[in-house]
Amino acid sequence: MSKTFENLMAAFAGESQANRKYLAYAKKAEKDGNLNAAKLFKAASDAETLHALKHFEVAGKVSETSENLKDAVAGETFEYKDMYPDFVKLAEDEGNTAAVRSFTFAMKAEKVHARLYQEALDTLDNKEEVFFYLCPVCGNIEKSVPGKCSICGVSGDKFIKY
């Protein structure tokens, strides 16, 4: 592995985190009524996304869709089987109930994501359009609008259609 590849991947990670951080800052600025700061954070967030995507592409990490789906299944499976259970346990041991809830929601949603990626891989040649619905609270994804989220219980009318 070359140092340039390592640098591309480090830059990808840093730019990706900056994107998410600036989106969080934008939401807070909007909530606080600081609309100019919110717009700046959103613009910077989009800029960081452009940087991250280009670094990832140049690093050769974007493959054919089938390979990308396999990678996504593996990543989501690792998160829900290996990563999050350890995180939940430690947060429980430390008495951090907010972290337990955050990790548990993510863990359950990642399991759904892995299943959906596998389904997409298994039906890659199917050209029938499918819609997905995202829970804005826990990140659960459904193929139809539920009455309520099976993970966090939020009302289905809050789900975002894709």
N, C-alpha and C. Protein backbone atom coordinates (compact mmCIF):
# COMPACT_ATOMS: atom_id res chain seq x y z
N MET A 1 0.86 -1.17 0.00
CA MET A 1 0.00 0.00 0.00
C MET A 1 0.90 1.24 0.00
N SER A 2 0.67 2.13 -0.93
CA SER A 2 1.51 3.32 -1.03
C SER A 2 1.11 4.36 0.01
N LYS A 3 2.04 5.24 0.30
CA LYS A 3 1.75 6.34 1.24
C LYS A 3 0.67 7.25 0.66
N THR A 4 0.67 7.43 -0.66
CA THR A 4 -0.37 8.27 -1.27
C THR A 4 -1.75 7.65 -1.07
N PHE A 5 -1.84 6.34 -1.23
CA PHE A 5 -3.13 5.67 -0.97
C PHE A 5 -3.55 5.88 0.48
N GLU A 6 -2.63 5.68 1.41
CA GLU A 6 -2.93 5.91 2.83
C GLU A 6 -3.40 7.35 3.06
N ASN A 7 -2.74 8.30 2.41
CA ASN A 7 -3.12 9.70 2.55
C ASN A 7 -4.50 9.96 1.95
N LEU A 8 -4.80 9.34 0.80
CA LEU A 8 -6.13 9.49 0.21
C LEU A 8 -7.21 8.96 1.15
N MET A 9 -6.95 7.83 1.77
CA MET A 9 -7.94 7.25 2.68
C MET A 9 -8.07 8.07 3.97
N ALA A 10 -6.96 8.61 4.46
CA ALA A 10 -7.02 9.49 5.63
C ALA A 10 -7.78 10.77 5.30
N ALA A 11 -7.53 11.31 4.12
CA ALA A 11 -8.23 12.52 3.68
C ALA A 11 -9.72 12.22 3.50
N PHE A 12 -10.04 11.07 2.94
CA PHE A 12 -11.44 10.66 2.80
C PHE A 12 -12.13 10.62 4.17
N ALA A 13 -11.48 10.00 5.14
CA ALA A 13 -12.05 9.90 6.49
C ALA A 13 -12.23 11.29 7.10
N GLY A 14 -11.22 12.12 6.99
CA GLY A 14 -11.30 13.47 7.57
C GLY A 14 -12.37 14.32 6.92
N GLU A 15 -12.43 14.30 5.60
CA GLU A 15 -13.44 15.09 4.88
C GLU A 15 -14.85 14.56 5.18
N SER A 16 -14.98 13.24 5.29
CA SER A 16 -16.29 12.65 5.60
C SER A 16 -16.76 13.08 6.98
N GLN A 17 -15.85 13.06 7.94
CA GLN A 17 -16.22 13.49 9.29
C GLN A 17 -16.54 14.97 9.33
N ALA A 18 -15.80 15.77 8.59
CA ALA A 18 -16.08 17.21 8.55
C ALA A 18 -17.47 17.46 7.97
N ASN A 19 -17.83 16.70 6.94
CA ASN A 19 -19.17 16.83 6.36
C ASN A 19 -20.24 16.61 7.41
N ARG A 20 -20.15 15.53 8.14
CA ARG A 20 -21.17 15.21 9.14
C ARG A 20 -21.16 16.24 10.27
N LYS A 21 -19.97 16.64 10.69
CA LYS A 21 -19.85 17.62 11.78
C LYS A 21 -20.51 18.94 11.36
N TYR A 22 -20.23 19.39 10.14
CA TYR A 22 -20.78 20.66 9.69
C TYR A 22 -22.30 20.59 9.51
N LEU A 23 -22.81 19.42 9.13
CA LEU A 23 -24.27 19.27 9.07
C LEU A 23 -24.89 19.38 10.46
N ALA A 24 -24.23 18.79 11.45
CA ALA A 24 -24.72 18.91 12.82
C ALA A 24 -24.68 20.36 13.28
N TYR A 25 -23.61 21.06 12.93
CA TYR A 25 -23.50 22.47 13.28
C TYR A 25 -24.57 23.29 12.58
N ALA A 26 -24.87 22.95 11.33
CA ALA A 26 -25.90 23.67 10.58
C ALA A 26 -27.27 23.51 11.24
N LYS A 27 -27.59 22.29 11.66
CA LYS A 27 -28.88 22.06 12.33
C LYS A 27 -28.97 22.88 13.60
N LYS A 28 -27.88 22.93 14.35
CA LYS A 28 -27.88 23.70 15.60
C LYS A 28 -28.01 25.19 15.31
N ALA A 29 -27.28 25.67 14.31
CA ALA A 29 -27.37 27.10 13.95
C ALA A 29 -28.79 27.45 13.52
N GLU A 30 -29.42 26.58 12.73
CA GLU A 30 -30.82 26.83 12.33
C GLU A 30 -31.72 26.90 13.55
N LYS A 31 -31.55 25.94 14.45
CA LYS A 31 -32.36 25.90 15.68
C LYS A 31 -32.16 27.16 16.50
N ASP A 32 -30.94 27.69 16.51
CA ASP A 32 -30.62 28.90 17.26
C ASP A 32 -31.03 30.17 16.52
N GLY A 33 -31.53 30.03 15.28
CA GLY A 33 -31.94 31.18 14.49
C GLY A 33 -30.79 31.89 13.79
N ASN A 34 -29.64 31.25 13.70
CA ASN A 34 -28.48 31.83 13.02
C ASN A 34 -28.42 31.30 11.59
N LEU A 35 -29.29 31.85 10.74
CA LEU A 35 -29.46 31.29 9.40
C LEU A 35 -28.23 31.47 8.51
N ASN A 36 -27.51 32.57 8.64
CA ASN A 36 -26.31 32.75 7.82
C ASN A 36 -25.24 31.72 8.19
N ALA A 37 -25.05 31.50 9.46
CA ALA A 37 -24.09 30.47 9.89
C ALA A 37 -24.55 29.10 9.41
N ALA A 38 -25.85 28.84 9.48
CA ALA A 38 -26.39 27.56 9.03
C ALA A 38 -26.12 27.35 7.54
N LYS A 39 -26.33 28.39 6.74
CA LYS A 39 -26.07 28.26 5.30
C LYS A 39 -24.58 28.04 5.03
N LEU A 40 -23.73 28.72 5.76
CA LEU A 40 -22.29 28.53 5.57
C LEU A 40 -21.89 27.09 5.94
N PHE A 41 -22.40 26.60 7.07
CA PHE A 41 -22.10 25.23 7.45
C PHE A 41 -22.59 24.23 6.40
N LYS A 42 -23.77 24.46 5.83
CA LYS A 42 -24.29 23.56 4.80
C LYS A 42 -23.42 23.61 3.54
N ALA A 43 -23.03 24.80 3.12
CA ALA A 43 -22.17 24.93 1.94
C ALA A 43 -20.83 24.24 2.18
N ALA A 44 -20.24 24.45 3.35
CA ALA A 44 -18.96 23.82 3.67
C ALA A 44 -19.12 22.30 3.75
N SER A 45 -20.24 21.86 4.28
CA SER A 45 -20.51 20.42 4.34
C SER A 45 -20.53 19.81 2.95
N ASP A 46 -21.20 20.47 2.02
CA ASP A 46 -21.24 19.98 0.64
C ASP A 46 -19.85 20.01 0.01
N ALA A 47 -19.05 21.02 0.33
CA ALA A 47 -17.68 21.09 -0.19
C ALA A 47 -16.86 19.92 0.33
N GLU A 48 -17.00 19.61 1.62
CA GLU A 48 -16.27 18.49 2.20
C GLU A 48 -16.70 17.17 1.55
N THR A 49 -17.98 17.05 1.21
CA THR A 49 -18.46 15.86 0.52
C THR A 49 -17.79 15.72 -0.84
N LEU A 50 -17.70 16.83 -1.58
CA LEU A 50 -17.02 16.79 -2.88
C LEU A 50 -15.58 16.29 -2.73
N HIS A 51 -14.89 16.82 -1.72
CA HIS A 51 -13.51 16.40 -1.49
C HIS A 51 -13.44 14.91 -1.15
N ALA A 52 -14.29 14.48 -0.23
CA ALA A 52 -14.28 13.07 0.20
C ALA A 52 -14.55 12.13 -0.96
N LEU A 53 -15.54 12.45 -1.76
CA LEU A 53 -15.88 11.58 -2.89
C LEU A 53 -14.75 11.49 -3.90
N LYS A 54 -14.10 12.59 -4.17
CA LYS A 54 -12.99 12.58 -5.12
C LYS A 54 -11.81 11.77 -4.56
N HIS A 55 -11.48 11.94 -3.29
CA HIS A 55 -10.39 11.17 -2.69
C HIS A 55 -10.69 9.66 -2.76
N PHE A 56 -11.92 9.28 -2.46
CA PHE A 56 -12.33 7.88 -2.48
C PHE A 56 -12.23 7.31 -3.89
N GLU A 57 -12.67 8.10 -4.87
CA GLU A 57 -12.59 7.68 -6.27
C GLU A 57 -11.14 7.53 -6.72
N VAL A 58 -10.33 8.52 -6.44
CA VAL A 58 -8.92 8.48 -6.85
C VAL A 58 -8.18 7.32 -6.18
N ALA A 59 -8.60 6.95 -4.98
CA ALA A 59 -8.00 5.82 -4.27
C ALA A 59 -8.40 4.48 -4.89
N GLY A 60 -9.32 4.51 -5.86
CA GLY A 60 -9.75 3.29 -6.52
C GLY A 60 -10.72 2.46 -5.72
N LYS A 61 -11.47 3.11 -4.83
CA LYS A 61 -12.37 2.39 -3.94
C LYS A 61 -13.80 2.27 -4.48
N VAL A 62 -14.09 2.85 -5.64
CA VAL A 62 -15.42 2.73 -6.23
C VAL A 62 -15.34 1.70 -7.34
N SER A 63 -16.10 0.61 -7.18
CA SER A 63 -16.06 -0.51 -8.12
C SER A 63 -17.39 -0.63 -8.86
N GLU A 64 -17.58 -1.80 -9.49
CA GLU A 64 -18.86 -2.11 -10.11
C GLU A 64 -19.91 -2.19 -9.00
N THR A 65 -21.17 -1.96 -9.36
CA THR A 65 -22.24 -1.95 -8.38
C THR A 65 -22.30 -3.23 -7.57
N SER A 66 -22.12 -4.38 -8.21
CA SER A 66 -22.19 -5.65 -7.48
C SER A 66 -21.09 -5.71 -6.41
N GLU A 67 -19.89 -5.26 -6.74
CA GLU A 67 -18.80 -5.25 -5.77
C GLU A 67 -19.06 -4.23 -4.66
N ASN A 68 -19.62 -3.08 -5.01
CA ASN A 68 -19.96 -2.07 -4.01
C ASN A 68 -21.02 -2.59 -3.05
N LEU A 69 -22.00 -3.34 -3.58
CA LEU A 69 -23.03 -3.92 -2.73
C LEU A 69 -22.43 -4.97 -1.79
N LYS A 70 -21.52 -5.80 -2.29
CA LYS A 70 -20.86 -6.79 -1.43
C LYS A 70 -20.09 -6.09 -0.31
N ASP A 71 -19.40 -5.02 -0.66
CA ASP A 71 -18.65 -4.26 0.34
C ASP A 71 -19.61 -3.66 1.38
N ALA A 72 -20.74 -3.16 0.92
CA ALA A 72 -21.72 -2.58 1.84
C ALA A 72 -22.30 -3.64 2.78
N VAL A 73 -22.61 -4.83 2.25
CA VAL A 73 -23.10 -5.92 3.10
C VAL A 73 -22.07 -6.24 4.17
N ALA A 74 -20.82 -6.37 3.76
CA ALA A 74 -19.76 -6.70 4.71
C ALA A 74 -19.60 -5.62 5.78
N GLY A 75 -19.63 -4.36 5.37
CA GLY A 75 -19.47 -3.27 6.32
C GLY A 75 -20.61 -3.19 7.32
N GLU A 76 -21.83 -3.28 6.82
CA GLU A 76 -22.99 -3.21 7.71
C GLU A 76 -23.04 -4.42 8.64
N THR A 77 -22.68 -5.59 8.12
CA THR A 77 -22.68 -6.81 8.93
C THR A 77 -21.65 -6.71 10.05
N PHE A 78 -20.46 -6.21 9.73
CA PHE A 78 -19.45 -6.00 10.77
C PHE A 78 -19.98 -5.08 11.85
N GLU A 79 -20.64 -4.00 11.45
CA GLU A 79 -21.13 -3.03 12.43
C GLU A 79 -22.16 -3.64 13.36
N TYR A 80 -23.15 -4.36 12.80
CA TYR A 80 -24.20 -4.86 13.70
C TYR A 80 -23.80 -6.12 14.45
N LYS A 81 -22.86 -6.91 13.92
CA LYS A 81 -22.46 -8.14 14.61
C LYS A 81 -21.29 -7.95 15.57
N ASP A 82 -20.33 -7.11 15.18
CA ASP A 82 -19.09 -7.01 15.94
C ASP A 82 -18.89 -5.67 16.65
N MET A 83 -19.08 -4.59 15.93
CA MET A 83 -18.74 -3.28 16.47
C MET A 83 -19.75 -2.81 17.51
N TYR A 84 -21.02 -2.69 17.10
CA TYR A 84 -22.00 -2.11 18.01
C TYR A 84 -22.29 -2.92 19.26
N PRO A 85 -22.31 -4.26 19.21
CA PRO A 85 -22.53 -4.98 20.48
C PRO A 85 -21.49 -4.63 21.55
N ASP A 86 -20.23 -4.51 21.13
CA ASP A 86 -19.18 -4.12 22.09
C ASP A 86 -19.41 -2.69 22.60
N PHE A 87 -19.80 -1.80 21.69
CA PHE A 87 -20.06 -0.41 22.08
C PHE A 87 -21.23 -0.33 23.07
N VAL A 88 -22.30 -1.10 22.81
CA VAL A 88 -23.47 -1.10 23.69
C VAL A 88 -23.06 -1.60 25.07
N LYS A 89 -22.33 -2.70 25.10
CA LYS A 89 -21.92 -3.28 26.40
C LYS A 89 -21.11 -2.29 27.21
N LEU A 90 -20.13 -1.65 26.59
CA LEU A 90 -19.30 -0.69 27.32
C LEU A 90 -20.14 0.49 27.81
N ALA A 91 -21.03 1.00 26.97
CA ALA A 91 -21.87 2.12 27.37
C ALA A 91 -22.77 1.72 28.54
N GLU A 92 -23.29 0.48 28.50
CA GLU A 92 -24.09 -0.02 29.62
C GLU A 92 -23.25 -0.07 30.90
N ASP A 93 -22.04 -0.62 30.77
CA ASP A 93 -21.14 -0.72 31.94
C ASP A 93 -20.83 0.65 32.53
N GLU A 94 -20.74 1.66 31.65
CA GLU A 94 -20.44 3.01 32.11
C GLU A 94 -21.69 3.79 32.50
N GLY A 95 -22.88 3.20 32.32
CA GLY A 95 -24.12 3.86 32.70
C GLY A 95 -24.53 5.00 31.78
N ASN A 96 -24.04 4.99 30.55
CA ASN A 96 -24.37 6.06 29.60
C ASN A 96 -25.57 5.63 28.77
N THR A 97 -26.76 5.92 29.27
CA THR A 97 -27.99 5.45 28.62
C THR A 97 -28.23 6.10 27.26
N ALA A 98 -27.79 7.34 27.09
CA ALA A 98 -27.96 7.99 25.78
C ALA A 98 -27.12 7.28 24.73
N ALA A 99 -25.90 6.91 25.09
CA ALA A 99 -25.04 6.19 24.15
C ALA A 99 -25.59 4.80 23.88
N VAL A 100 -26.11 4.14 24.92
CA VAL A 100 -26.71 2.81 24.72
C VAL A 100 -27.82 2.90 23.69
N ARG A 101 -28.67 3.90 23.84
CA ARG A 101 -29.79 4.06 22.91
C ARG A 101 -29.29 4.37 21.50
N SER A 102 -28.35 5.28 21.38
CA SER A 102 -27.81 5.65 20.08
C SER A 102 -27.17 4.45 19.39
N PHE A 103 -26.33 3.72 20.11
CA PHE A 103 -25.66 2.54 19.56
C PHE A 103 -26.67 1.44 19.21
N THR A 104 -27.67 1.23 20.07
CA THR A 104 -28.66 0.19 19.83
C THR A 104 -29.49 0.50 18.59
N PHE A 105 -29.94 1.74 18.46
CA PHE A 105 -30.69 2.12 17.26
C PHE A 105 -29.84 1.88 16.01
N ALA A 106 -28.58 2.32 16.05
CA ALA A 106 -27.70 2.15 14.89
C ALA A 106 -27.48 0.67 14.61
N MET A 107 -27.24 -0.13 15.64
CA MET A 107 -26.98 -1.55 15.46
C MET A 107 -28.17 -2.24 14.77
N LYS A 108 -29.36 -1.95 15.25
CA LYS A 108 -30.56 -2.56 14.66
C LYS A 108 -30.77 -2.08 13.23
N ALA A 109 -30.52 -0.81 12.97
CA ALA A 109 -30.68 -0.27 11.62
C ALA A 109 -29.64 -0.85 10.68
N GLU A 110 -28.40 -1.03 11.15
CA GLU A 110 -27.35 -1.60 10.30
C GLU A 110 -27.71 -3.01 9.86
N LYS A 111 -28.36 -3.78 10.72
CA LYS A 111 -28.79 -5.13 10.36
C LYS A 111 -29.79 -5.07 9.21
N VAL A 112 -30.70 -4.12 9.27
CA VAL A 112 -31.67 -3.93 8.18
C VAL A 112 -30.94 -3.50 6.91
N HIS A 113 -29.99 -2.58 7.04
CA HIS A 113 -29.23 -2.12 5.87
C HIS A 113 -28.51 -3.28 5.20
N ALA A 114 -27.87 -4.15 5.99
CA ALA A 114 -27.16 -5.30 5.43
C ALA A 114 -28.12 -6.18 4.64
N ARG A 115 -29.30 -6.42 5.20
CA ARG A 115 -30.30 -7.25 4.51
C ARG A 115 -30.74 -6.60 3.21
N LEU A 116 -30.99 -5.30 3.25
CA LEU A 116 -31.43 -4.60 2.04
C LEU A 116 -30.34 -4.57 0.97
N TYR A 117 -29.09 -4.39 1.37
CA TYR A 117 -28.00 -4.44 0.40
C TYR A 117 -27.90 -5.83 -0.22
N GLN A 118 -28.06 -6.86 0.60
CA GLN A 118 -28.01 -8.23 0.07
C GLN A 118 -29.16 -8.46 -0.90
N GLU A 119 -30.35 -8.00 -0.56
CA GLU A 119 -31.49 -8.11 -1.48
C GLU A 119 -31.21 -7.38 -2.79
N ALA A 120 -30.62 -6.20 -2.70
CA ALA A 120 -30.29 -5.44 -3.91
C ALA A 120 -29.28 -6.19 -4.76
N LEU A 121 -28.31 -6.81 -4.12
CA LEU A 121 -27.31 -7.61 -4.83
C LEU A 121 -27.98 -8.81 -5.50
N ASP A 122 -28.86 -9.48 -4.76
CA ASP A 122 -29.53 -10.67 -5.28
C ASP A 122 -30.48 -10.37 -6.44
N THR A 123 -30.95 -9.13 -6.50
CA THR A 123 -31.92 -8.75 -7.55
C THR A 123 -31.37 -7.64 -8.44
N LEU A 124 -30.06 -7.60 -8.60
CA LEU A 124 -29.41 -6.52 -9.32
C LEU A 124 -29.93 -6.36 -10.75
N ASP A 125 -30.32 -7.44 -11.38
CA ASP A 125 -30.82 -7.37 -12.76
C ASP A 125 -32.28 -6.95 -12.84
N ASN A 126 -32.97 -6.91 -11.72
CA ASN A 126 -34.37 -6.48 -11.70
C ASN A 126 -34.42 -4.97 -11.87
N LYS A 127 -35.07 -4.51 -12.90
CA LYS A 127 -35.12 -3.07 -13.20
C LYS A 127 -36.40 -2.41 -12.70
N GLU A 128 -37.24 -3.17 -11.98
CA GLU A 128 -38.46 -2.59 -11.41
C GLU A 128 -38.08 -1.58 -10.34
N GLU A 129 -38.66 -0.39 -10.41
CA GLU A 129 -38.31 0.67 -9.47
C GLU A 129 -38.79 0.32 -8.06
N VAL A 130 -37.92 0.56 -7.10
CA VAL A 130 -38.22 0.32 -5.69
C VAL A 130 -38.04 1.65 -4.97
N PHE A 131 -38.89 1.90 -3.99
CA PHE A 131 -38.74 3.08 -3.16
C PHE A 131 -38.32 2.64 -1.77
N PHE A 132 -37.58 3.50 -1.10
CA PHE A 132 -37.12 3.23 0.25
C PHE A 132 -37.57 4.38 1.14
N TYR A 133 -37.82 4.06 2.40
CA TYR A 133 -38.32 5.04 3.35
C TYR A 133 -37.42 5.01 4.58
N LEU A 134 -36.86 6.19 4.91
CA LEU A 134 -35.89 6.33 5.99
C LEU A 134 -36.53 6.91 7.24
N CYS A 135 -36.29 6.24 8.36
CA CYS A 135 -36.71 6.80 9.65
C CYS A 135 -35.72 7.89 10.03
N PRO A 136 -36.21 9.11 10.26
CA PRO A 136 -35.30 10.22 10.58
C PRO A 136 -34.78 10.20 12.02
N VAL A 137 -35.23 9.25 12.81
CA VAL A 137 -34.78 9.17 14.20
C VAL A 137 -33.66 8.14 14.37
N CYS A 138 -33.87 6.93 13.86
CA CYS A 138 -32.90 5.85 14.12
C CYS A 138 -32.15 5.37 12.88
N GLY A 139 -32.58 5.78 11.69
CA GLY A 139 -31.89 5.35 10.48
C GLY A 139 -32.40 4.05 9.88
N ASN A 140 -33.49 3.53 10.42
CA ASN A 140 -34.10 2.34 9.84
C ASN A 140 -34.57 2.65 8.42
N ILE A 141 -34.50 1.67 7.54
CA ILE A 141 -34.97 1.84 6.17
C ILE A 141 -36.00 0.75 5.88
N GLU A 142 -37.12 1.15 5.32
CA GLU A 142 -38.19 0.22 4.95
C GLU A 142 -38.49 0.36 3.46
N LYS A 143 -39.13 -0.67 2.90
CA LYS A 143 -39.54 -0.62 1.49
C LYS A 143 -40.95 -0.07 1.33
N SER A 144 -41.65 0.09 2.43
CA SER A 144 -42.97 0.72 2.42
C SER A 144 -43.11 1.49 3.73
N VAL A 145 -44.01 2.44 3.74
CA VAL A 145 -44.19 3.26 4.93
C VAL A 145 -44.86 2.43 6.02
N PRO A 146 -44.19 2.27 7.15
CA PRO A 146 -44.81 1.50 8.24
C PRO A 146 -45.76 2.37 9.05
N GLY A 147 -46.59 1.73 9.86
CA GLY A 147 -47.41 2.50 10.79
C GLY A 147 -46.53 3.22 11.79
N LYS A 148 -45.50 2.51 12.23
CA LYS A 148 -44.49 3.11 13.10
C LYS A 148 -43.19 2.35 12.88
N CYS A 149 -42.10 2.98 13.22
CA CYS A 149 -40.78 2.38 13.05
C CYS A 149 -40.64 1.16 13.96
N SER A 150 -40.17 0.07 13.38
CA SER A 150 -40.00 -1.17 14.15
C SER A 150 -38.82 -1.09 15.12
N ILE A 151 -37.97 -0.09 14.96
CA ILE A 151 -36.81 0.04 15.84
C ILE A 151 -37.05 1.06 16.95
N CYS A 152 -37.50 2.26 16.57
CA CYS A 152 -37.61 3.32 17.58
C CYS A 152 -39.04 3.76 17.87
N GLY A 153 -39.99 3.29 17.05
CA GLY A 153 -41.39 3.59 17.31
C GLY A 153 -41.91 4.91 16.76
N VAL A 154 -41.08 5.67 16.03
CA VAL A 154 -41.55 6.93 15.48
C VAL A 154 -42.65 6.64 14.46
N SER A 155 -43.57 7.58 14.34
CA SER A 155 -44.69 7.43 13.42
C SER A 155 -44.21 7.32 11.97
N GLY A 156 -44.83 6.43 11.21
CA GLY A 156 -44.46 6.22 9.81
C GLY A 156 -44.59 7.43 8.95
N ASP A 157 -45.46 8.38 9.32
CA ASP A 157 -45.63 9.59 8.49
C ASP A 157 -44.40 10.51 8.58
N LYS A 158 -43.46 10.20 9.44
CA LYS A 158 -42.21 10.97 9.55
C LYS A 158 -41.13 10.44 8.60
N PHE A 159 -41.33 9.24 8.07
CA PHE A 159 -40.32 8.63 7.21
C PHE A 159 -40.11 9.46 5.95
N ILE A 160 -38.87 9.43 5.44
CA ILE A 160 -38.48 10.19 4.26
C ILE A 160 -38.38 9.24 3.08
N LYS A 161 -39.05 9.58 1.99
CA LYS A 161 -39.11 8.71 0.81
C LYS A 161 -37.89 8.94 -0.09
N TYR A 162 -37.33 7.81 -0.58
CA TYR A 162 -36.24 7.84 -1.56
C TYR A 162 -36.64 7.01 -2.76
